PDB file of N, CA and C in Angstrom:
ATOM      1  N   THR A   1      81.176 -11.264  12.605  1.00  0.00           N
ATOM      2  CA  THR A   1      81.067 -10.055  13.373  1.00  0.00           C
ATOM      3  C   THR A   1      79.659  -9.913  13.941  1.00  0.00           C
ATOM      4  N   LYS A   2      79.563  -8.979  14.878  1.00  0.00           N
ATOM      5  CA  LYS A   2      78.277  -8.753  15.533  1.00  0.00           C
ATOM      6  C   LYS A   2      77.252  -8.211  14.544  1.00  0.00           C
ATOM      7  N   ALA A   3      77.645  -7.377  13.648  1.00  0.00           N
ATOM      8  CA  ALA A   3      76.728  -6.787  12.681  1.00  0.00           C
ATOM      9  C   ALA A   3      76.161  -7.866  11.770  1.00  0.00           C
ATOM     10  N   GLU A   4      77.033  -8.793  11.337  1.00  0.00           N
ATOM     11  CA  GLU A   4      76.579  -9.879  10.461  1.00  0.00           C
ATOM     12  C   GLU A   4      75.601 -10.776  11.209  1.00  0.00           C
ATOM     13  N   MET A   5      75.904 -11.067  12.478  1.00  0.00           N
ATOM     14  CA  MET A   5      75.011 -11.913  13.284  1.00  0.00           C
ATOM     15  C   MET A   5      73.682 -11.197  13.520  1.00  0.00           C
ATOM     16  N   ALA A   6      73.738  -9.926  13.769  1.00  0.00           N
ATOM     17  CA  ALA A   6      72.521  -9.145  13.983  1.00  0.00           C
ATOM     18  C   ALA A   6      71.701  -9.132  12.695  1.00  0.00           C
ATOM     19  N   ASN A   7      72.421  -9.010  11.566  1.00  0.00           N
ATOM     20  CA  ASN A   7      71.750  -9.008  10.273  1.00  0.00           C
ATOM     21  C   ASN A   7      71.076 -10.353  10.016  1.00  0.00           C
ATOM     22  N   GLU A   8      71.770 -11.456  10.319  1.00  0.00           N
ATOM     23  CA  GLU A   8      71.196 -12.798  10.130  1.00  0.00           C
ATOM     24  C   GLU A   8      69.966 -12.978  11.027  1.00  0.00           C
ATOM     25  N   ASN A   9      70.114 -12.549  12.292  1.00  0.00           N
ATOM     26  CA  ASN A   9      68.977 -12.649  13.218  1.00  0.00           C
ATOM     27  C   ASN A   9      67.797 -11.815  12.708  1.00  0.00           C
ATOM     28  N   HIS A  10      68.156 -10.653  12.195  1.00  0.00           N
ATOM     29  CA  HIS A  10      67.131  -9.773  11.632  1.00  0.00           C
ATOM     30  C   HIS A  10      66.415 -10.455  10.466  1.00  0.00           C
ATOM     31  N   GLN A  11      67.172 -11.068   9.593  1.00  0.00           N
ATOM     32  CA  GLN A  11      66.607 -11.750   8.437  1.00  0.00           C
ATOM     33  C   GLN A  11      65.724 -12.928   8.867  1.00  0.00           C
ATOM     34  N   ILE A  12      66.160 -13.641   9.899  1.00  0.00           N
ATOM     35  CA  ILE A  12      65.363 -14.759  10.420  1.00  0.00           C
ATOM     36  C   ILE A  12      64.045 -14.230  10.985  1.00  0.00           C
ATOM     37  N   VAL A  13      64.132 -13.153  11.754  1.00  0.00           N
ATOM     38  CA  VAL A  13      62.926 -12.553  12.329  1.00  0.00           C
ATOM     39  C   VAL A  13      62.005 -12.069  11.211  1.00  0.00           C
ATOM     40  N   VAL A  14      62.576 -11.411  10.196  1.00  0.00           N
ATOM     41  CA  VAL A  14      61.782 -10.920   9.078  1.00  0.00           C
ATOM     42  C   VAL A  14      61.126 -12.092   8.353  1.00  0.00           C
ATOM     43  N   ALA A  15      61.870 -13.167   8.119  1.00  0.00           N
ATOM     44  CA  ALA A  15      61.323 -14.345   7.445  1.00  0.00           C
ATOM     45  C   ALA A  15      60.175 -14.938   8.263  1.00  0.00           C
ATOM     46  N   ASP A  16      60.385 -15.040   9.593  1.00  0.00           N
ATOM     47  CA  ASP A  16      59.324 -15.553  10.472  1.00  0.00           C
ATOM     48  C   ASP A  16      58.089 -14.645  10.422  1.00  0.00           C
ATOM     49  N   LEU A  17      58.336 -13.338  10.458  1.00  0.00           N
ATOM     50  CA  LEU A  17      57.218 -12.391  10.413  1.00  0.00           C
ATOM     51  C   LEU A  17      56.490 -12.475   9.070  1.00  0.00           C
ATOM     52  N   GLU A  18      57.245 -12.608   7.980  1.00  0.00           N
ATOM     53  CA  GLU A  18      56.624 -12.752   6.663  1.00  0.00           C
ATOM     54  C   GLU A  18      55.796 -14.034   6.592  1.00  0.00           C
ATOM     55  N   LYS A  19      56.339 -15.118   7.205  1.00  0.00           N
ATOM     56  CA  LYS A  19      55.600 -16.375   7.226  1.00  0.00           C
ATOM     57  C   LYS A  19      54.311 -16.223   8.027  1.00  0.00           C
ATOM     58  N   GLU A  20      54.393 -15.575   9.186  1.00  0.00           N
ATOM     59  CA  GLU A  20      53.198 -15.337   9.988  1.00  0.00           C
ATOM     60  C   GLU A  20      52.203 -14.441   9.252  1.00  0.00           C
ATOM     61  N   LEU A  21      52.743 -13.420   8.563  1.00  0.00           N
ATOM     62  CA  LEU A  21      51.893 -12.533   7.793  1.00  0.00           C
ATOM     63  C   LEU A  21      51.162 -13.308   6.700  1.00  0.00           C
ATOM     64  N   ALA A  22      51.851 -14.192   6.008  1.00  0.00           N
ATOM     65  CA  ALA A  22      51.233 -15.006   4.965  1.00  0.00           C
ATOM     66  C   ALA A  22      50.142 -15.891   5.561  1.00  0.00           C
ATOM     67  N   GLU A  23      50.388 -16.470   6.733  1.00  0.00           N
ATOM     68  CA  GLU A  23      49.387 -17.302   7.396  1.00  0.00           C
ATOM     69  C   GLU A  23      48.164 -16.466   7.787  1.00  0.00           C
ATOM     70  N   VAL A  24      48.424 -15.284   8.334  1.00  0.00           N
ATOM     71  CA  VAL A  24      47.325 -14.407   8.732  1.00  0.00           C
ATOM     72  C   VAL A  24      46.525 -13.986   7.496  1.00  0.00           C
ATOM     73  N   GLN A  25      47.227 -13.637   6.412  1.00  0.00           N
ATOM     74  CA  GLN A  25      46.530 -13.261   5.186  1.00  0.00           C
ATOM     75  C   GLN A  25      45.707 -14.424   4.650  1.00  0.00           C
ATOM     76  N   SER A  26      46.242 -15.610   4.729  1.00  0.00           N
ATOM     77  CA  SER A  26      45.517 -16.800   4.294  1.00  0.00           C
ATOM     78  C   SER A  26      44.275 -17.009   5.148  1.00  0.00           C
ATOM     79  N   MET A  27      44.419 -16.820   6.461  1.00  0.00           N
ATOM     80  CA  MET A  27      43.278 -16.952   7.360  1.00  0.00           C
ATOM     81  C   MET A  27      42.227 -15.882   7.061  1.00  0.00           C
ATOM     82  N   ILE A  28      42.685 -14.667   6.771  1.00  0.00           N
ATOM     83  CA  ILE A  28      41.754 -13.575   6.443  1.00  0.00           C
ATOM     84  C   ILE A  28      40.992 -13.909   5.168  1.00  0.00           C
ATOM     85  N   GLU A  29      41.701 -14.402   4.151  1.00  0.00           N
ATOM     86  CA  GLU A  29      41.051 -14.770   2.896  1.00  0.00           C
ATOM     87  C   GLU A  29      40.033 -15.881   3.126  1.00  0.00           C
ATOM     88  N   ALA A  30      40.403 -16.875   3.923  1.00  0.00           N
ATOM     89  CA  ALA A  30      39.475 -17.965   4.219  1.00  0.00           C
ATOM     90  C   ALA A  30      38.244 -17.428   4.949  1.00  0.00           C
ATOM     91  N   TYR A  31      38.473 -16.526   5.913  1.00  0.00           N
ATOM     92  CA  TYR A  31      37.360 -15.937   6.653  1.00  0.00           C
ATOM     93  C   TYR A  31      36.451 -15.143   5.718  1.00  0.00           C
ATOM     94  N   GLU A  32      37.078 -14.332   4.846  1.00  0.00           N
ATOM     95  CA  GLU A  32      36.284 -13.521   3.926  1.00  0.00           C
ATOM     96  C   GLU A  32      35.488 -14.400   2.963  1.00  0.00           C
ATOM     97  N   GLU A  33      36.082 -15.504   2.506  1.00  0.00           N
ATOM     98  CA  GLU A  33      35.351 -16.412   1.622  1.00  0.00           C
ATOM     99  C   GLU A  33      34.160 -17.033   2.351  1.00  0.00           C
ATOM    100  N   ASP A  34      34.391 -17.473   3.589  1.00  0.00           N
ATOM    101  CA  ASP A  34      33.290 -18.033   4.390  1.00  0.00           C
ATOM    102  C   ASP A  34      32.223 -16.980   4.637  1.00  0.00           C
ATOM    103  N   ASN A  35      32.669 -15.781   4.971  1.00  0.00           N
ATOM    104  CA  ASN A  35      31.740 -14.692   5.239  1.00  0.00           C
ATOM    105  C   ASN A  35      30.970 -14.316   3.978  1.00  0.00           C
ATOM    106  N   GLN A  36      31.670 -14.310   2.841  1.00  0.00           N
ATOM    107  CA  GLN A  36      31.018 -13.991   1.570  1.00  0.00           C
ATOM    108  C   GLN A  36      29.969 -15.052   1.243  1.00  0.00           C
ATOM    109  N   GLU A  37      30.283 -16.322   1.471  1.00  0.00           N
ATOM    110  CA  GLU A  37      29.302 -17.382   1.238  1.00  0.00           C
ATOM    111  C   GLU A  37      28.099 -17.197   2.153  1.00  0.00           C
ATOM    112  N   SER A  38      28.366 -16.827   3.405  1.00  0.00           N
ATOM    113  CA  SER A  38      27.268 -16.579   4.334  1.00  0.00           C
ATOM    114  C   SER A  38      26.423 -15.422   3.851  1.00  0.00           C
ATOM    115  N   GLN A  39      27.063 -14.371   3.359  1.00  0.00           N
ATOM    116  CA  GLN A  39      26.320 -13.226   2.852  1.00  0.00           C
ATOM    117  C   GLN A  39      25.531 -13.614   1.615  1.00  0.00           C
ATOM    118  N   GLU A  40      26.130 -14.462   0.766  1.00  0.00           N
ATOM    119  CA  GLU A  40      25.415 -14.906  -0.426  1.00  0.00           C
ATOM    120  C   GLU A  40      24.188 -15.718  -0.029  1.00  0.00           C
ATOM    121  N   ILE A  41      24.356 -16.560   0.986  1.00  0.00           N
ATOM    122  CA  ILE A  41      23.218 -17.342   1.465  1.00  0.00           C
ATOM    123  C   ILE A  41      22.161 -16.409   2.040  1.00  0.00           C
ATOM    124  N   GLU A  42      22.608 -15.430   2.831  1.00  0.00           N
ATOM    125  CA  GLU A  42      21.660 -14.467   3.376  1.00  0.00           C
ATOM    126  C   GLU A  42      21.007 -13.689   2.246  1.00  0.00           C
ATOM    127  N   LEU A  43      21.806 -13.302   1.272  1.00  0.00           N
ATOM    128  CA  LEU A  43      21.262 -12.583   0.136  1.00  0.00           C
ATOM    129  C   LEU A  43      20.268 -13.461  -0.596  1.00  0.00           C
ATOM    130  N   GLN A  44      20.611 -14.733  -0.727  1.00  0.00           N
ATOM    131  CA  GLN A  44      19.691 -15.644  -1.371  1.00  0.00           C
ATOM    132  C   GLN A  44      18.414 -15.774  -0.541  1.00  0.00           C
ATOM    133  N   ASP A  45      18.559 -15.834   0.782  1.00  0.00           N
ATOM    134  CA  ASP A  45      17.378 -15.881   1.641  1.00  0.00           C
ATOM    135  C   ASP A  45      16.556 -14.603   1.471  1.00  0.00           C
ATOM    136  N   THR A  46      17.250 -13.473   1.434  1.00  0.00           N
ATOM    137  CA  THR A  46      16.570 -12.197   1.239  1.00  0.00           C
ATOM    138  C   THR A  46      15.885 -12.166  -0.112  1.00  0.00           C
ATOM    139  N   GLN A  47      16.594 -12.650  -1.130  1.00  0.00           N
ATOM    140  CA  GLN A  47      16.004 -12.687  -2.466  1.00  0.00           C
ATOM    141  C   GLN A  47      14.803 -13.627  -2.482  1.00  0.00           C
ATOM    142  N   MET A  48      14.916 -14.734  -1.768  1.00  0.00           N
ATOM    143  CA  MET A  48      13.813 -15.692  -1.718  1.00  0.00           C
ATOM    144  C   MET A  48      12.606 -15.068  -1.027  1.00  0.00           C
ATOM    145  N   GLN A  49      12.848 -14.336   0.051  1.00  0.00           N
ATOM    146  CA  GLN A  49      11.754 -13.658   0.748  1.00  0.00           C
ATOM    147  C   GLN A  49      11.106 -12.631  -0.176  1.00  0.00           C
ATOM    148  N   GLU A  50      11.949 -11.886  -0.894  1.00  0.00           N
ATOM    149  CA  GLU A  50      11.409 -10.889  -1.818  1.00  0.00           C
ATOM    150  C   GLU A  50      10.622 -11.576  -2.931  1.00  0.00           C
ATOM    151  N   TYR A  51      11.152 -12.684  -3.431  1.00  0.00           N
ATOM    152  CA  TYR A  51      10.450 -13.453  -4.462  1.00  0.00           C
ATOM    153  C   TYR A  51       9.083 -13.905  -3.957  1.00  0.00           C
ATOM    154  N   ASN A  52       9.053 -14.458  -2.750  1.00  0.00           N
ATOM    155  CA  ASN A  52       7.787 -14.930  -2.190  1.00  0.00           C
ATOM    156  C   ASN A  52       6.809 -13.781  -1.988  1.00  0.00           C
ATOM    157  N   THR A  53       7.320 -12.643  -1.532  1.00  0.00           N
ATOM    158  CA  THR A  53       6.467 -11.471  -1.353  1.00  0.00           C
ATOM    159  C   THR A  53       5.899 -11.019  -2.691  1.00  0.00           C
ATOM    160  N   LEU A  54       6.772 -10.935  -3.703  1.00  0.00           N
ATOM    161  CA  LEU A  54       6.320 -10.519  -5.031  1.00  0.00           C
ATOM    162  C   LEU A  54       5.353 -11.540  -5.630  1.00  0.00           C
ATOM    163  N   LYS A  55       5.635 -12.809  -5.394  1.00  0.00           N
ATOM    164  CA  LYS A  55       4.765 -13.869  -5.915  1.00  0.00           C
ATOM    165  C   LYS A  55       3.380 -13.763  -5.294  1.00  0.00           C
ATOM    166  N   GLU A  56       3.337 -13.544  -3.983  1.00  0.00           N
ATOM    167  CA  GLU A  56       2.050 -13.406  -3.291  1.00  0.00           C
ATOM    168  C   GLU A  56       1.305 -12.176  -3.802  1.00  0.00           C
ATOM    169  N   SER A  57       2.027 -11.083  -3.960  1.00  0.00           N
ATOM    170  CA  SER A  57       1.417  -9.854  -4.468  1.00  0.00           C
ATOM    171  C   SER A  57       0.881 -10.070  -5.887  1.00  0.00           C
ATOM    172  N   ALA A  58       1.670 -10.730  -6.722  1.00  0.00           N
ATOM    173  CA  ALA A  58       1.236 -11.005  -8.096  1.00  0.00           C
ATOM    174  C   ALA A  58       0.011 -11.916  -8.100  1.00  0.00           C
ATOM    175  N   SER A  59      -0.015 -12.875  -7.195  1.00  0.00           N
ATOM    176  CA  SER A  59      -1.159 -13.780  -7.099  1.00  0.00           C
ATOM    177  C   SER A  59      -2.416 -13.009  -6.701  1.00  0.00           C
ATOM    178  N   GLN A  60      -2.282 -12.106  -5.740  1.00  0.00           N
ATOM    179  CA  GLN A  60      -3.417 -11.291  -5.313  1.00  0.00           C
ATOM    180  C   GLN A  60      -3.901 -10.389  -6.444  1.00  0.00           C
ATOM    181  N   GLN A  61      -2.948  -9.783  -7.150  1.00  0.00           N
ATOM    182  CA  GLN A  61      -3.323  -8.917  -8.264  1.00  0.00           C
ATOM    183  C   GLN A  61      -3.991  -9.730  -9.369  1.00  0.00           C
ATOM    184  N   THR A  62      -3.464 -10.917  -9.629  1.00  0.00           N
ATOM    185  CA  THR A  62      -4.046 -11.782 -10.659  1.00  0.00           C
ATOM    186  C   THR A  62      -5.470 -12.161 -10.291  1.00  0.00           C
ATOM    187  N   THR A  63      -5.667 -12.515  -9.037  1.00  0.00           N
ATOM    188  CA  THR A  63      -7.008 -12.869  -8.575  1.00  0.00           C
ATOM    189  C   THR A  63      -7.951 -11.679  -8.749  1.00  0.00           C
ATOM    190  N   SER A  64      -7.485 -10.522  -8.342  1.00  0.00           N
ATOM    191  CA  SER A  64      -8.301  -9.316  -8.470  1.00  0.00           C
ATOM    192  C   SER A  64      -8.616  -9.027  -9.934  1.00  0.00           C
ATOM    193  N   LEU A  65      -7.606  -9.129 -10.786  1.00  0.00           N
ATOM    194  CA  LEU A  65      -7.818  -8.867 -12.208  1.00  0.00           C
ATOM    195  C   LEU A  65      -8.747  -9.896 -12.845  1.00  0.00           C
ATOM    196  N   ARG A  66      -8.624 -11.144 -12.424  1.00  0.00           N
ATOM    197  CA  ARG A  66      -9.520 -12.179 -12.958  1.00  0.00           C
ATOM    198  C   ARG A  66     -10.968 -11.897 -12.550  1.00  0.00           C
ATOM    199  N   GLN A  67     -11.161 -11.482 -11.307  1.00  0.00           N
ATOM    200  CA  GLN A  67     -12.512 -11.146 -10.854  1.00  0.00           C
ATOM    201  C   GLN A  67     -13.054  -9.966 -11.646  1.00  0.00           C
ATOM    202  N   THR A  68     -12.206  -8.968 -11.859  1.00  0.00           N
ATOM    203  CA  THR A  68     -12.625  -7.810 -12.643  1.00  0.00           C
ATOM    204  C   THR A  68     -12.955  -8.222 -14.066  1.00  0.00           C
ATOM    205  N   LEU A  69     -12.121  -9.077 -14.654  1.00  0.00           N
ATOM    206  CA  LEU A  69     -12.364  -9.553 -16.015  1.00  0.00           C
ATOM    207  C   LEU A  69     -13.677 -10.328 -16.100  1.00  0.00           C
ATOM    208  N   THR A  70     -13.932 -11.183 -15.132  1.00  0.00           N
ATOM    209  CA  THR A  70     -15.187 -11.939 -15.106  1.00  0.00           C
ATOM    210  C   THR A  70     -16.377 -10.988 -15.023  1.00  0.00           C
ATOM    211  N   LYS A  71     -16.263  -9.997 -14.157  1.00  0.00           N
ATOM    212  CA  LYS A  71     -17.328  -9.001 -14.007  1.00  0.00           C
ATOM    213  C   LYS A  71     -17.555  -8.254 -15.323  1.00  0.00           C
ATOM    214  N   ILE A  72     -16.475  -7.849 -15.974  1.00  0.00           N
ATOM    215  CA  ILE A  72     -16.581  -7.115 -17.241  1.00  0.00           C
ATOM    216  C   ILE A  72     -17.189  -8.003 -18.321  1.00  0.00           C
ATOM    217  N   LYS A  73     -16.779  -9.263 -18.367  1.00  0.00           N
ATOM    218  CA  LYS A  73     -17.345 -10.182 -19.369  1.00  0.00           C
ATOM    219  C   LYS A  73     -18.844 -10.367 -19.151  1.00  0.00           C
ATOM    220  N   ARG A  74     -19.262 -10.511 -17.873  1.00  0.00           N
ATOM    221  CA  ARG A  74     -20.690 -10.628 -17.579  1.00  0.00           C
ATOM    222  C   ARG A  74     -21.439  -9.376 -18.012  1.00  0.00           C
ATOM    223  N   GLN A  75     -20.870  -8.222 -17.719  1.00  0.00           N
ATOM    224  CA  GLN A  75     -21.494  -6.958 -18.101  1.00  0.00           C
ATOM    225  C   GLN A  75     -21.570  -6.838 -19.620  1.00  0.00           C
ATOM    226  N   GLN A  76     -20.485  -7.255 -20.294  1.00  0.00           N
ATOM    227  CA  GLN A  76     -20.476  -7.204 -21.758  1.00  0.00           C
ATOM    228  C   GLN A  76     -21.557  -8.112 -22.339  1.00  0.00           C
ATOM    229  N   GLN A  77     -21.683  -9.295 -21.773  1.00  0.00           N
ATOM    230  CA  GLN A  77     -22.709 -10.228 -22.249  1.00  0.00           C
ATOM    231  C   GLN A  77     -24.102  -9.639 -22.026  1.00  0.00           C
ATOM    232  N   SER A  78     -24.287  -9.042 -20.868  1.00  0.00           N
ATOM    233  CA  SER A  78     -25.567  -8.403 -20.572  1.00  0.00           C
ATOM    234  C   SER A  78     -25.840  -7.264 -21.545  1.00  0.00           C
ATOM    235  N   ASP A  79     -24.818  -6.465 -21.821  1.00  0.00           N
ATOM    236  CA  ASP A  79     -24.966  -5.357 -22.768  1.00  0.00           C
ATOM    237  C   ASP A  79     -25.267  -5.870 -24.174  1.00  0.00           C
ATOM    238  N   GLU A  80     -24.604  -6.953 -24.565  1.00  0.00           N
ATOM    239  CA  GLU A  80     -24.856  -7.525 -25.895  1.00  0.00           C
ATOM    240  C   GLU A  80     -26.299  -8.033 -26.007  1.00  0.00           C
ATOM    241  N   GLU A  81     -26.789  -8.665 -24.944  1.00  0.00           N
ATOM    242  CA  GLU A  81     -28.175  -9.140 -24.943  1.00  0.00           C
ATOM    243  C   GLU A  81     -29.145  -7.956 -25.025  1.00  0.00           C
ATOM    244  N   ALA A  82     -28.842  -6.907 -24.263  1.00  0.00           N
ATOM    245  CA  ALA A  82     -29.689  -5.710 -24.301  1.00  0.00           C
ATOM    246  C   ALA A  82     -29.654  -5.083 -25.693  1.00  0.00           C
ATOM    247  N   LEU A  83     -28.492  -5.055 -26.315  1.00  0.00           N
ATOM    248  CA  LEU A  83     -28.365  -4.517 -27.665  1.00  0.00           C
ATOM    249  C   LEU A  83     -29.185  -5.345 -28.660  1.00  0.00           C
ATOM    250  N   GLU A  84     -29.091  -6.660 -28.535  1.00  0.00           N
ATOM    251  CA  GLU A  84     -29.873  -7.534 -29.419  1.00  0.00           C
ATOM    252  C   GLU A  84     -31.374  -7.283 -29.240  1.00  0.00           C
ATOM    253  N   GLN A  85     -31.814  -7.145 -27.986  1.00  0.00           N
ATOM    254  CA  GLN A  85     -33.221  -6.874 -27.727  1.00  0.00           C
ATOM    255  C   GLN A  85     -33.639  -5.527 -28.316  1.00  0.00           C
ATOM    256  N   THR A  86     -32.797  -4.539 -28.150  1.00  0.00           N
ATOM    257  CA  THR A  86     -33.085  -3.211 -28.692  1.00  0.00           C
ATOM    258  C   THR A  86     -33.136  -3.251 -30.214  1.00  0.00           C
ATOM    259  N   GLN A  87     -32.194  -3.964 -30.814  1.00  0.00           N
ATOM    260  CA  GLN A  87     -32.193  -4.085 -32.281  1.00  0.00           C
ATOM    261  C   GLN A  87     -33.452  -4.814 -32.766  1.00  0.00           C
ATOM    262  N   GLN A  88     -33.849  -5.839 -32.021  1.00  0.00           N
ATOM    263  CA  GLN A  88     -35.066  -6.581 -32.388  1.00  0.00           C
ATOM    264  C   GLN A  88     -36.299  -5.668 -32.278  1.00  0.00           C
ATOM    265  N   LYS A  89     -36.359  -4.872 -31.199  1.00  0.00           N
ATOM    266  CA  LYS A  89     -37.478  -3.930 -31.039  1.00  0.00           C
ATOM    267  C   LYS A  89     -37.487  -2.928 -32.188  1.00  0.00           C
ATOM    268  N   ARG A  90     -36.305  -2.440 -32.548  1.00  0.00           N
ATOM    269  CA  ARG A  90     -36.217  -1.485 -33.654  1.00  0.00           C
ATOM    270  C   ARG A  90     -36.728  -2.127 -34.951  1.00  0.00           C
ATOM    271  N   THR A  91     -36.271  -3.353 -35.199  1.00  0.00           N
ATOM    272  CA  THR A  91     -36.723  -4.068 -36.401  1.00  0.00           C
ATOM    273  C   THR A  91     -38.236  -4.248 -36.374  1.00  0.00           C
ATOM    274  N   ASP A  92     -38.771  -4.624 -35.211  1.00  0.00           N
ATOM    275  CA  ASP A  92     -40.221  -4.794 -35.068  1.00  0.00           C
ATOM    276  C   ASP A  92     -40.951  -3.473 -35.323  1.00  0.00           C
ATOM    277  N   LEU A  93     -40.422  -2.391 -34.736  1.00  0.00           N
ATOM    278  CA  LEU A  93     -41.063  -1.088 -34.916  1.00  0.00           C
ATOM    279  C   LEU A  93     -40.990  -0.621 -36.372  1.00  0.00           C
ATOM    280  N   GLU A  94     -39.872  -0.875 -37.028  1.00  0.00           N
ATOM    281  CA  GLU A  94     -39.753  -0.506 -38.440  1.00  0.00           C
ATOM    282  C   GLU A  94     -40.752  -1.300 -39.294  1.00  0.00           C
ATOM    283  N   SER A  95     -40.871  -2.587 -38.951  1.00  0.00           N
ATOM    284  CA  SER A  95     -41.860  -3.410 -39.665  1.00  0.00           C
ATOM    285  C   SER A  95     -43.263  -2.884 -39.420  1.00  0.00           C
ATOM    286  N   ARG A  96     -43.565  -2.539 -38.206  1.00  0.00           N
ATOM    287  CA  ARG A  96     -44.890  -2.004 -37.856  1.00  0.00           C
ATOM    288  C   ARG A  96     -45.144  -0.695 -38.595  1.00  0.00           C
ATOM    289  N   GLN A  97     -44.102   0.134 -38.679  1.00  0.00           N
ATOM    290  CA  GLN A  97     -44.223   1.406 -39.384  1.00  0.00           C
ATOM    291  C   GLN A  97     -44.528   1.177 -40.871  1.00  0.00           C
ATOM    292  N   VAL A  98     -43.844   0.209 -41.458  1.00  0.00           N
ATOM    293  CA  VAL A  98     -44.102  -0.118 -42.864  1.00  0.00           C
ATOM    294  C   VAL A  98     -45.540  -0.590 -43.024  1.00  0.00           C
ATOM    295  N   GLN A  99     -46.045  -1.417 -42.130  1.00  0.00           N
ATOM    296  CA  GLN A  99     -47.432  -1.924 -42.192  1.00  0.00           C
ATOM    297  C   GLN A  99     -48.421  -0.771 -42.077  1.00  0.00           C
ATOM    298  N   LEU A 100     -48.157   0.129 -41.121  1.00  0.00           N
ATOM    299  CA  LEU A 100     -49.068   1.260 -40.934  1.00  0.00           C
ATOM    300  C   LEU A 100     -49.057   2.173 -42.153  1.00  0.00           C
ATOM    301  N   ASN A 101     -47.888   2.395 -42.741  1.00  0.00           N
ATOM    302  CA  ASN A 101     -47.794   3.232 -43.935  1.00  0.00           C
ATOM    303  C   ASN A 101     -48.538   2.582 -45.115  1.00  0.00           C
ATOM    304  N   GLU A 102     -48.453   1.248 -45.201  1.00  0.00           N
ATOM    305  CA  GLU A 102     -49.174   0.549 -46.276  1.00  0.00           C
ATOM    306  C   GLU A 102     -50.683   0.655 -46.066  1.00  0.00           C
ATOM    307  N   GLN A 103     -51.109   0.544 -44.826  1.00  0.00           N
ATOM    308  CA  GLN A 103     -52.550   0.640 -44.514  1.00  0.00           C
ATOM    309  C   GLN A 103     -53.041   2.071 -44.787  1.00  0.00           C
ATOM    310  N   LYS A 104     -52.225   3.009 -44.501  1.00  0.00           N
ATOM    311  CA  LYS A 104     -52.579   4.405 -44.682  1.00  0.00           C
ATOM    312  C   LYS A 104     -52.661   4.746 -46.174  1.00  0.00           C
ATOM    313  N   GLY A 105     -51.703   4.319 -46.901  1.00  0.00           N
ATOM    314  CA  GLY A 105     -51.623   4.747 -48.271  1.00  0.00           C
ATOM    315  C   GLY A 105     -52.156   3.820 -49.232  1.00  0.00           C
TER     316      GLY A 105
END
């Protein structure tokens, strides 16, 4: 009958459309995977740029901190030498005071 033939034609059309839909979905998935890989590469490039920026910044900070540390160490050494000289003067003055007290008394 005509209804059965129309139904068969309908089923064939539906099957063809489902097949095309599956192909389109497969193509979309392939595109998204390629696009995702591209984004990952871009993200990796972005991450690499950020890494290089942070590395350069850390290098600059390290250099600055090393210079500051060197300056502080030099100042500390200078202060220690001044302290030693002051302690020596104090010891000398105390010795002189003892000598003067002995001469006096």
